[in-house]
Amino acid sequence: VFCTAAWKKALEGGEQSKVHFLADWNGQFTKGFD
């Protein structure tokens, strides 16, 4: 989550955006989506 939060801040417009940057820290969501 530290990485995804920093990435959002680093991208132009990211900090003001309502786009959600989410950490799938253990890959469980990604596994669930195969």
PDB file of all heavy atoms in Angstrom:
ATOM      1  N   VAL A   1       0.810  -1.211   0.000  1.00  0.00           N
ATOM      2  CA  VAL A   1       0.000   0.000   0.000  1.00  0.00           C
ATOM      3  C   VAL A   1       0.855   1.278   0.000  1.00  0.00           C
ATOM      4  O   VAL A   1       0.448   2.301  -0.536  1.00  0.00           O
ATOM      5  CB  VAL A   1      -1.009  -0.013   1.172  1.00  0.00           C
ATOM      6  CG1 VAL A   1      -0.312   0.160   2.503  1.00  0.00           C
ATOM      7  CG2 VAL A   1      -2.106   1.020   0.964  1.00  0.00           C
ATOM      8  N   PHE A   2       2.044   1.221   0.559  1.00  0.00           N
ATOM      9  CA  PHE A   2       2.917   2.398   0.538  1.00  0.00           C
ATOM     10  C   PHE A   2       3.327   2.711  -0.899  1.00  0.00           C
ATOM     11  O   PHE A   2       3.397   3.870  -1.304  1.00  0.00           O
ATOM     12  CB  PHE A   2       4.148   2.177   1.422  1.00  0.00           C
ATOM     13  CG  PHE A   2       3.800   1.933   2.860  1.00  0.00           C
ATOM     14  CD1 PHE A   2       3.922   0.662   3.397  1.00  0.00           C
ATOM     15  CD2 PHE A   2       3.338   2.958   3.670  1.00  0.00           C
ATOM     16  CE1 PHE A   2       3.592   0.417   4.723  1.00  0.00           C
ATOM     17  CE2 PHE A   2       3.002   2.727   4.997  1.00  0.00           C
ATOM     18  CZ  PHE A   2       3.133   1.444   5.523  1.00  0.00           C
ATOM     19  N   CYS A   3       3.597   1.670  -1.651  1.00  0.00           N
ATOM     20  CA  CYS A   3       4.000   1.815  -3.048  1.00  0.00           C
ATOM     21  C   CYS A   3       2.852   2.370  -3.901  1.00  0.00           C
ATOM     22  O   CYS A   3       3.045   3.305  -4.670  1.00  0.00           O
ATOM     23  CB  CYS A   3       4.475   0.463  -3.572  1.00  0.00           C
ATOM     24  SG  CYS A   3       5.194   0.530  -5.208  1.00  0.00           S
ATOM     25  N   THR A   4       1.653   1.809  -3.771  1.00  0.00           N
ATOM     26  CA  THR A   4       0.530   2.289  -4.589  1.00  0.00           C
ATOM     27  C   THR A   4       0.147   3.717  -4.210  1.00  0.00           C
ATOM     28  O   THR A   4      -0.194   4.519  -5.081  1.00  0.00           O
ATOM     29  CB  THR A   4      -0.690   1.343  -4.498  1.00  0.00           C
ATOM     30  OG1 THR A   4      -1.060   1.167  -3.137  1.00  0.00           O
ATOM     31  CG2 THR A   4      -0.397   0.005  -5.150  1.00  0.00           C
ATOM     32  N   ALA A   5       0.217   4.057  -2.936  1.00  0.00           N
ATOM     33  CA  ALA A   5      -0.096   5.425  -2.507  1.00  0.00           C
ATOM     34  C   ALA A   5       0.934   6.419  -3.048  1.00  0.00           C
ATOM     35  O   ALA A   5       0.574   7.503  -3.539  1.00  0.00           O
ATOM     36  CB  ALA A   5      -0.162   5.503  -0.982  1.00  0.00           C
ATOM     37  N   ALA A   6       2.207   6.054  -3.004  1.00  0.00           N
ATOM     38  CA  ALA A   6       3.260   6.931  -3.529  1.00  0.00           C
ATOM     39  C   ALA A   6       3.140   7.079  -5.045  1.00  0.00           C
ATOM     40  O   ALA A   6       3.377   8.160  -5.589  1.00  0.00           O
ATOM     41  CB  ALA A   6       4.633   6.381  -3.157  1.00  0.00           C
ATOM     42  N   TRP A   7       2.761   6.005  -5.716  1.00  0.00           N
ATOM     43  CA  TRP A   7       2.594   6.049  -7.178  1.00  0.00           C
ATOM     44  C   TRP A   7       1.482   7.014  -7.557  1.00  0.00           C
ATOM     45  O   TRP A   7       1.634   7.819  -8.468  1.00  0.00           O
ATOM     46  CB  TRP A   7       2.321   4.642  -7.679  1.00  0.00           C
ATOM     47  CG  TRP A   7       2.318   4.447  -9.155  1.00  0.00           C
ATOM     48  CD1 TRP A   7       3.134   5.060 -10.079  1.00  0.00           C
ATOM     49  CD2 TRP A   7       1.488   3.570  -9.906  1.00  0.00           C
ATOM     50  NE1 TRP A   7       2.839   4.600 -11.343  1.00  0.00           N
ATOM     51  CE2 TRP A   7       1.833   3.681 -11.250  1.00  0.00           C
ATOM     52  CE3 TRP A   7       0.481   2.684  -9.543  1.00  0.00           C
ATOM     53  CZ2 TRP A   7       1.211   2.953 -12.259  1.00  0.00           C
ATOM     54  CZ3 TRP A   7      -0.135   1.943 -10.534  1.00  0.00           C
ATOM     55  CH2 TRP A   7       0.233   2.087 -11.876  1.00  0.00           C
ATOM     56  N   LYS A   8       0.361   6.959  -6.844  1.00  0.00           N
ATOM     57  CA  LYS A   8      -0.746   7.882  -7.130  1.00  0.00           C
ATOM     58  C   LYS A   8      -0.270   9.331  -6.982  1.00  0.00           C
ATOM     59  O   LYS A   8      -0.558  10.168  -7.825  1.00  0.00           O
ATOM     60  CB  LYS A   8      -1.929   7.616  -6.198  1.00  0.00           C
ATOM     61  CG  LYS A   8      -3.086   8.571  -6.452  1.00  0.00           C
ATOM     62  CD  LYS A   8      -4.299   8.258  -5.613  1.00  0.00           C
ATOM     63  CE  LYS A   8      -5.422   9.223  -5.969  1.00  0.00           C
ATOM     64  NZ  LYS A   8      -6.693   8.850  -5.350  1.00  0.00           N
ATOM     65  N   LYS A   9       0.477   9.616  -5.928  1.00  0.00           N
ATOM     66  CA  LYS A   9       0.979  10.980  -5.700  1.00  0.00           C
ATOM     67  C   LYS A   9       1.973  11.401  -6.778  1.00  0.00           C
ATOM     68  O   LYS A   9       2.039  12.566  -7.142  1.00  0.00           O
ATOM     69  CB  LYS A   9       1.637  11.081  -4.326  1.00  0.00           C
ATOM     70  CG  LYS A   9       0.652  11.061  -3.199  1.00  0.00           C
ATOM     71  CD  LYS A   9       1.349  11.143  -1.860  1.00  0.00           C
ATOM     72  CE  LYS A   9       0.329  11.027  -0.747  1.00  0.00           C
ATOM     73  NZ  LYS A   9       0.949  10.982   0.573  1.00  0.00           N
ATOM     74  N   ALA A  10       2.751  10.445  -7.288  1.00  0.00           N
ATOM     75  CA  ALA A  10       3.789  10.755  -8.270  1.00  0.00           C
ATOM     76  C   ALA A  10       3.239  10.997  -9.676  1.00  0.00           C
ATOM     77  O   ALA A  10       3.867  11.711 -10.462  1.00  0.00           O
ATOM     78  CB  ALA A  10       4.813   9.619  -8.320  1.00  0.00           C
ATOM     79  N   LEU A  11       2.089  10.420  -9.982  1.00  0.00           N
ATOM     80  CA  LEU A  11       1.525  10.599 -11.326  1.00  0.00           C
ATOM     81  C   LEU A  11       0.861  11.959 -11.452  1.00  0.00           C
ATOM     82  O   LEU A  11       0.155  12.395 -10.540  1.00  0.00           O
ATOM     83  CB  LEU A  11       0.503   9.500 -11.627  1.00  0.00           C
ATOM     84  CG  LEU A  11       1.066   8.095 -11.807  1.00  0.00           C
ATOM     85  CD1 LEU A  11      -0.065   7.086 -11.971  1.00  0.00           C
ATOM     86  CD2 LEU A  11       2.008   8.026 -12.999  1.00  0.00           C
ATOM     87  N   GLU A  12       1.074  12.616 -12.572  1.00  0.00           N
ATOM     88  CA  GLU A  12       0.472  13.924 -12.797  1.00  0.00           C
ATOM     89  C   GLU A  12      -1.043  13.835 -12.682  1.00  0.00           C
ATOM     90  O   GLU A  12      -1.688  13.040 -13.348  1.00  0.00           O
ATOM     91  CB  GLU A  12       0.849  14.444 -14.180  1.00  0.00           C
ATOM     92  CG  GLU A  12       0.365  15.852 -14.423  1.00  0.00           C
ATOM     93  CD  GLU A  12       0.827  16.406 -15.752  1.00  0.00           C
ATOM     94  OE1 GLU A  12       1.862  15.954 -16.275  1.00  0.00           O
ATOM     95  OE2 GLU A  12       0.143  17.290 -16.259  1.00  0.00           O
ATOM     96  N   GLY A  13      -1.603  14.644 -11.792  1.00  0.00           N
ATOM     97  CA  GLY A  13      -3.042  14.666 -11.577  1.00  0.00           C
ATOM     98  C   GLY A  13      -3.544  13.581 -10.648  1.00  0.00           C
ATOM     99  O   GLY A  13      -4.706  13.578 -10.254  1.00  0.00           O
ATOM    100  N   GLY A  14      -2.690  12.648 -10.290  1.00  0.00           N
ATOM    101  CA  GLY A  14      -3.097  11.514  -9.469  1.00  0.00           C
ATOM    102  C   GLY A  14      -3.629  11.901  -8.103  1.00  0.00           C
ATOM    103  O   GLY A  14      -4.638  11.372  -7.652  1.00  0.00           O
ATOM    104  N   GLU A  15      -2.933  12.829  -7.450  1.00  0.00           N
ATOM    105  CA  GLU A  15      -3.327  13.200  -6.090  1.00  0.00           C
ATOM    106  C   GLU A  15      -4.707  13.843  -6.040  1.00  0.00           C
ATOM    107  O   GLU A  15      -5.448  13.660  -5.088  1.00  0.00           O
ATOM    108  CB  GLU A  15      -2.286  14.154  -5.487  1.00  0.00           C
ATOM    109  CG  GLU A  15      -1.756  13.629  -4.202  1.00  0.00           C
ATOM    110  CD  GLU A  15      -0.713  14.540  -3.596  1.00  0.00           C
ATOM    111  OE1 GLU A  15      -0.015  15.271  -4.306  1.00  0.00           O
ATOM    112  OE2 GLU A  15      -0.618  14.493  -2.365  1.00  0.00           O
ATOM    113  N   GLN A  16      -5.081  14.587  -7.082  1.00  0.00           N
ATOM    114  CA  GLN A  16      -6.385  15.245  -7.115  1.00  0.00           C
ATOM    115  C   GLN A  16      -7.475  14.341  -7.682  1.00  0.00           C
ATOM    116  O   GLN A  16      -8.646  14.647  -7.612  1.00  0.00           O
ATOM    117  CB  GLN A  16      -6.326  16.525  -7.964  1.00  0.00           C
ATOM    118  CG  GLN A  16      -5.428  17.611  -7.414  1.00  0.00           C
ATOM    119  CD  GLN A  16      -3.952  17.341  -7.679  1.00  0.00           C
ATOM    120  OE1 GLN A  16      -3.579  16.763  -8.683  1.00  0.00           O
ATOM    121  NE2 GLN A  16      -3.100  17.744  -6.751  1.00  0.00           N
ATOM    122  N   SER A  17      -7.092  13.230  -8.230  1.00  0.00           N
ATOM    123  CA  SER A  17      -8.012  12.329  -8.915  1.00  0.00           C
ATOM    124  C   SER A  17      -8.849  11.517  -7.934  1.00  0.00           C
ATOM    125  O   SER A  17      -8.445  11.259  -6.809  1.00  0.00           O
ATOM    126  CB  SER A  17      -7.201  11.375  -9.794  1.00  0.00           C
ATOM    127  OG  SER A  17      -8.019  10.376 -10.317  1.00  0.00           O
ATOM    128  N   LYS A  18     -10.027  11.099  -8.407  1.00  0.00           N
ATOM    129  CA  LYS A  18     -10.867  10.184  -7.641  1.00  0.00           C
ATOM    130  C   LYS A  18     -10.597   8.727  -8.029  1.00  0.00           C
ATOM    131  O   LYS A  18     -11.240   7.819  -7.520  1.00  0.00           O
ATOM    132  CB  LYS A  18     -12.341  10.521  -7.851  1.00  0.00           C
ATOM    133  CG  LYS A  18     -12.754  11.839  -7.210  1.00  0.00           C
ATOM    134  CD  LYS A  18     -14.248  12.015  -7.264  1.00  0.00           C
ATOM    135  CE  LYS A  18     -14.588  12.921  -8.418  1.00  0.00           C
ATOM    136  NZ  LYS A  18     -16.014  13.110  -8.616  1.00  0.00           N
ATOM    137  N   VAL A  19      -9.630   8.498  -8.933  1.00  0.00           N
ATOM    138  CA  VAL A  19      -9.246   7.143  -9.293  1.00  0.00           C
ATOM    139  C   VAL A  19      -8.619   6.492  -8.054  1.00  0.00           C
ATOM    140  O   VAL A  19      -7.784   7.101  -7.382  1.00  0.00           O
ATOM    141  CB  VAL A  19      -8.261   7.125 -10.488  1.00  0.00           C
ATOM    142  CG1 VAL A  19      -7.733   5.722 -10.744  1.00  0.00           C
ATOM    143  CG2 VAL A  19      -8.933   7.681 -11.736  1.00  0.00           C
ATOM    144  N   HIS A  20      -9.030   5.279  -7.757  1.00  0.00           N
ATOM    145  CA  HIS A  20      -8.528   4.552  -6.589  1.00  0.00           C
ATOM    146  C   HIS A  20      -7.325   3.701  -6.981  1.00  0.00           C
ATOM    147  O   HIS A  20      -7.397   2.934  -7.937  1.00  0.00           O
ATOM    148  CB  HIS A  20      -9.622   3.644  -6.023  1.00  0.00           C
ATOM    149  CG  HIS A  20     -10.855   4.369  -5.629  1.00  0.00           C
ATOM    150  ND1 HIS A  20     -11.032   4.919  -4.379  1.00  0.00           N
ATOM    151  CD2 HIS A  20     -11.974   4.651  -6.332  1.00  0.00           C
ATOM    152  CE1 HIS A  20     -12.209   5.504  -4.328  1.00  0.00           C
ATOM    153  NE2 HIS A  20     -12.803   5.358  -5.501  1.00  0.00           N
ATOM    154  N   PHE A  21      -6.245   3.824  -6.250  1.00  0.00           N
ATOM    155  CA  PHE A  21      -5.042   3.018  -6.447  1.00  0.00           C
ATOM    156  C   PHE A  21      -4.988   2.021  -5.294  1.00  0.00           C
ATOM    157  O   PHE A  21      -4.776   2.411  -4.141  1.00  0.00           O
ATOM    158  CB  PHE A  21      -3.792   3.903  -6.446  1.00  0.00           C
ATOM    159  CG  PHE A  21      -3.624   4.718  -7.698  1.00  0.00           C
ATOM    160  CD1 PHE A  21      -4.533   5.707  -8.039  1.00  0.00           C
ATOM    161  CD2 PHE A  21      -2.546   4.490  -8.535  1.00  0.00           C
ATOM    162  CE1 PHE A  21      -4.384   6.451  -9.198  1.00  0.00           C
ATOM    163  CE2 PHE A  21      -2.371   5.237  -9.696  1.00  0.00           C
ATOM    164  CZ  PHE A  21      -3.300   6.213 -10.027  1.00  0.00           C
ATOM    165  N   LEU A  22      -5.204   0.758  -5.605  1.00  0.00           N
ATOM    166  CA  LEU A  22      -5.368  -0.249  -4.560  1.00  0.00           C
ATOM    167  C   LEU A  22      -4.233  -1.252  -4.549  1.00  0.00           C
ATOM    168  O   LEU A  22      -3.760  -1.696  -5.590  1.00  0.00           O
ATOM    169  CB  LEU A  22      -6.694  -0.987  -4.770  1.00  0.00           C
ATOM    170  CG  LEU A  22      -7.942  -0.106  -4.822  1.00  0.00           C
ATOM    171  CD1 LEU A  22      -9.175  -0.958  -5.047  1.00  0.00           C
ATOM    172  CD2 LEU A  22      -8.082   0.744  -3.571  1.00  0.00           C
ATOM    173  N   ALA A  23      -3.848  -1.621  -3.340  1.00  0.00           N
ATOM    174  CA  ALA A  23      -2.787  -2.602  -3.132  1.00  0.00           C
ATOM    175  C   ALA A  23      -3.406  -3.986  -2.955  1.00  0.00           C
ATOM    176  O   ALA A  23      -4.179  -4.218  -2.024  1.00  0.00           O
ATOM    177  CB  ALA A  23      -1.961  -2.238  -1.904  1.00  0.00           C
ATOM    178  N   ASP A  24      -3.060  -4.866  -3.874  1.00  0.00           N
ATOM    179  CA  ASP A  24      -3.383  -6.295  -3.753  1.00  0.00           C
ATOM    180  C   ASP A  24      -2.115  -6.935  -3.206  1.00  0.00           C
ATOM    181  O   ASP A  24      -1.429  -7.684  -3.882  1.00  0.00           O
ATOM    182  CB  ASP A  24      -3.764  -6.845  -5.139  1.00  0.00           C
ATOM    183  CG  ASP A  24      -4.160  -8.304  -5.127  1.00  0.00           C
ATOM    184  OD1 ASP A  24      -4.471  -8.838  -4.046  1.00  0.00           O
ATOM    185  OD2 ASP A  24      -4.161  -8.907  -6.221  1.00  0.00           O
ATOM    186  N   TRP A  25      -1.788  -6.577  -1.985  1.00  0.00           N
ATOM    187  CA  TRP A  25      -0.471  -6.844  -1.404  1.00  0.00           C
ATOM    188  C   TRP A  25      -0.065  -8.307  -1.434  1.00  0.00           C
ATOM    189  O   TRP A  25       1.113  -8.617  -1.533  1.00  0.00           O
ATOM    190  CB  TRP A  25      -0.404  -6.280   0.011  1.00  0.00           C
ATOM    191  CG  TRP A  25      -1.357  -6.954   0.961  1.00  0.00           C
ATOM    192  CD1 TRP A  25      -2.684  -6.647   1.138  1.00  0.00           C
ATOM    193  CD2 TRP A  25      -1.085  -8.046   1.814  1.00  0.00           C
ATOM    194  NE1 TRP A  25      -3.242  -7.483   2.057  1.00  0.00           N
ATOM    195  CE2 TRP A  25      -2.273  -8.363   2.493  1.00  0.00           C
ATOM    196  CE3 TRP A  25       0.057  -8.798   2.079  1.00  0.00           C
ATOM    197  CZ2 TRP A  25      -2.366  -9.393   3.412  1.00  0.00           C
ATOM    198  CZ3 TRP A  25      -0.034  -9.826   3.002  1.00  0.00           C
ATOM    199  CH2 TRP A  25      -1.223 -10.110   3.659  1.00  0.00           C
ATOM    200  N   ASN A  26      -1.012  -9.240  -1.367  1.00  0.00           N
ATOM    201  CA  ASN A  26      -0.646 -10.651  -1.385  1.00  0.00           C
ATOM    202  C   ASN A  26      -1.122 -11.365  -2.653  1.00  0.00           C
ATOM    203  O   ASN A  26      -1.013 -12.577  -2.763  1.00  0.00           O
ATOM    204  CB  ASN A  26      -1.168 -11.371  -0.140  1.00  0.00           C
ATOM    205  CG  ASN A  26      -2.686 -11.312  -0.031  1.00  0.00           C
ATOM    206  OD1 ASN A  26      -3.375 -10.771  -0.894  1.00  0.00           O
ATOM    207  ND2 ASN A  26      -3.213 -11.863   1.052  1.00  0.00           N
ATOM    208  N   GLY A  27      -1.662 -10.609  -3.606  1.00  0.00           N
ATOM    209  CA  GLY A  27      -2.071 -11.163  -4.887  1.00  0.00           C
ATOM    210  C   GLY A  27      -3.371 -11.947  -4.870  1.00  0.00           C
ATOM    211  O   GLY A  27      -3.715 -12.586  -5.863  1.00  0.00           O
ATOM    212  N   GLN A  28      -4.125 -11.878  -3.793  1.00  0.00           N
ATOM    213  CA  GLN A  28      -5.347 -12.669  -3.704  1.00  0.00           C
ATOM    214  C   GLN A  28      -6.422 -12.220  -4.694  1.00  0.00           C
ATOM    215  O   GLN A  28      -7.113 -13.055  -5.270  1.00  0.00           O
ATOM    216  CB  GLN A  28      -5.902 -12.641  -2.271  1.00  0.00           C
ATOM    217  CG  GLN A  28      -5.024 -13.370  -1.280  1.00  0.00           C
ATOM    218  CD  GLN A  28      -4.776 -14.814  -1.680  1.00  0.00           C
ATOM    219  OE1 GLN A  28      -5.708 -15.587  -1.885  1.00  0.00           O
ATOM    220  NE2 GLN A  28      -3.515 -15.177  -1.829  1.00  0.00           N
ATOM    221  N   PHE A  29      -6.557 -10.927  -4.908  1.00  0.00           N
ATOM    222  CA  PHE A  29      -7.523 -10.452  -5.901  1.00  0.00           C
ATOM    223  C   PHE A  29      -7.107 -10.921  -7.295  1.00  0.00           C
ATOM    224  O   PHE A  29      -7.913 -11.438  -8.063  1.00  0.00           O
ATOM    225  CB  PHE A  29      -7.632  -8.923  -5.865  1.00  0.00           C
ATOM    226  CG  PHE A  29      -8.666  -8.380  -6.817  1.00  0.00           C
ATOM    227  CD1 PHE A  29      -9.965  -8.190  -6.403  1.00  0.00           C
ATOM    228  CD2 PHE A  29      -8.336  -8.068  -8.132  1.00  0.00           C
ATOM    229  CE1 PHE A  29     -10.932  -7.710  -7.272  1.00  0.00           C
ATOM    230  CE2 PHE A  29      -9.289  -7.588  -9.012  1.00  0.00           C
ATOM    231  CZ  PHE A  29     -10.585  -7.407  -8.580  1.00  0.00           C
ATOM    232  N   THR A  30      -5.842 -10.745  -7.598  1.00  0.00           N
ATOM    233  CA  THR A  30      -5.310 -11.132  -8.910  1.00  0.00           C
ATOM    234  C   THR A  30      -5.476 -12.630  -9.143  1.00  0.00           C
ATOM    235  O   THR A  30      -5.864 -13.047 -10.242  1.00  0.00           O
ATOM    236  CB  THR A  30      -3.844 -10.685  -9.025  1.00  0.00           C
ATOM    237  OG1 THR A  30      -3.797  -9.257  -8.850  1.00  0.00           O
ATOM    238  CG2 THR A  30      -3.242 -11.058 -10.351  1.00  0.00           C
ATOM    239  N   LYS A  31      -5.220 -13.427  -8.133  1.00  0.00           N
ATOM    240  CA  LYS A  31      -5.445 -14.875  -8.251  1.00  0.00           C
ATOM    241  C   LYS A  31      -6.921 -15.163  -8.500  1.00  0.00           C
ATOM    242  O   LYS A  31      -7.260 -16.011  -9.322  1.00  0.00           O
ATOM    243  CB  LYS A  31      -4.983 -15.598  -6.990  1.00  0.00           C
ATOM    244  CG  LYS A  31      -3.489 -15.677  -6.827  1.00  0.00           C
ATOM    245  CD  LYS A  31      -3.131 -16.332  -5.492  1.00  0.00           C
ATOM    246  CE  LYS A  31      -1.660 -16.195  -5.187  1.00  0.00           C
ATOM    247  NZ  LYS A  31      -1.341 -16.640  -3.816  1.00  0.00           N
ATOM    248  N   GLY A  32      -7.805 -14.467  -7.798  1.00  0.00           N
ATOM    249  CA  GLY A  32      -9.243 -14.668  -7.947  1.00  0.00           C
ATOM    250  C   GLY A  32      -9.756 -14.305  -9.325  1.00  0.00           C
ATOM    251  O   GLY A  32     -10.777 -14.824  -9.778  1.00  0.00           O
ATOM    252  N   PHE A  33      -9.058 -13.420 -10.005  1.00  0.00           N
ATOM    253  CA  PHE A  33      -9.410 -13.017 -11.373  1.00  0.00           C
ATOM    254  C   PHE A  33      -8.627 -13.846 -12.391  1.00  0.00           C
ATOM    255  O   PHE A  33      -8.692 -13.582 -13.578  1.00  0.00           O
ATOM    256  CB  PHE A  33      -9.117 -11.528 -11.571  1.00  0.00           C
ATOM    257  CG  PHE A  33     -10.317 -10.673 -11.856  1.00  0.00           C
ATOM    258  CD1 PHE A  33     -11.608 -11.108 -11.651  1.00  0.00           C
ATOM    259  CD2 PHE A  33     -10.141  -9.381 -12.329  1.00  0.00           C
ATOM    260  CE1 PHE A  33     -12.700 -10.293 -11.913  1.00  0.00           C
ATOM    261  CE2 PHE A  33     -11.228  -8.557 -12.598  1.00  0.00           C
ATOM    262  CZ  PHE A  33     -12.505  -9.019 -12.386  1.00  0.00           C
ATOM    263  N   ASP A  34      -7.872 -14.828 -11.920  1.00  0.00           N
ATOM    264  CA  ASP A  34      -7.062 -15.699 -12.777  1.00  0.00           C
ATOM    265  C   ASP A  34      -6.188 -14.862 -13.715  1.00  0.00           C
ATOM    266  O   ASP A  34      -6.105 -15.120 -14.912  1.00  0.00           O
ATOM    267  CB  ASP A  34      -7.957 -16.656 -13.570  1.00  0.00           C
ATOM    268  CG  ASP A  34      -7.162 -17.767 -14.255  1.00  0.00           C
ATOM    269  OD1 ASP A  34      -6.069 -18.108 -13.761  1.00  0.00           O
ATOM    270  OD2 ASP A  34      -7.627 -18.269 -15.292  1.00  0.00           O
TER     271      ASP A  34
END
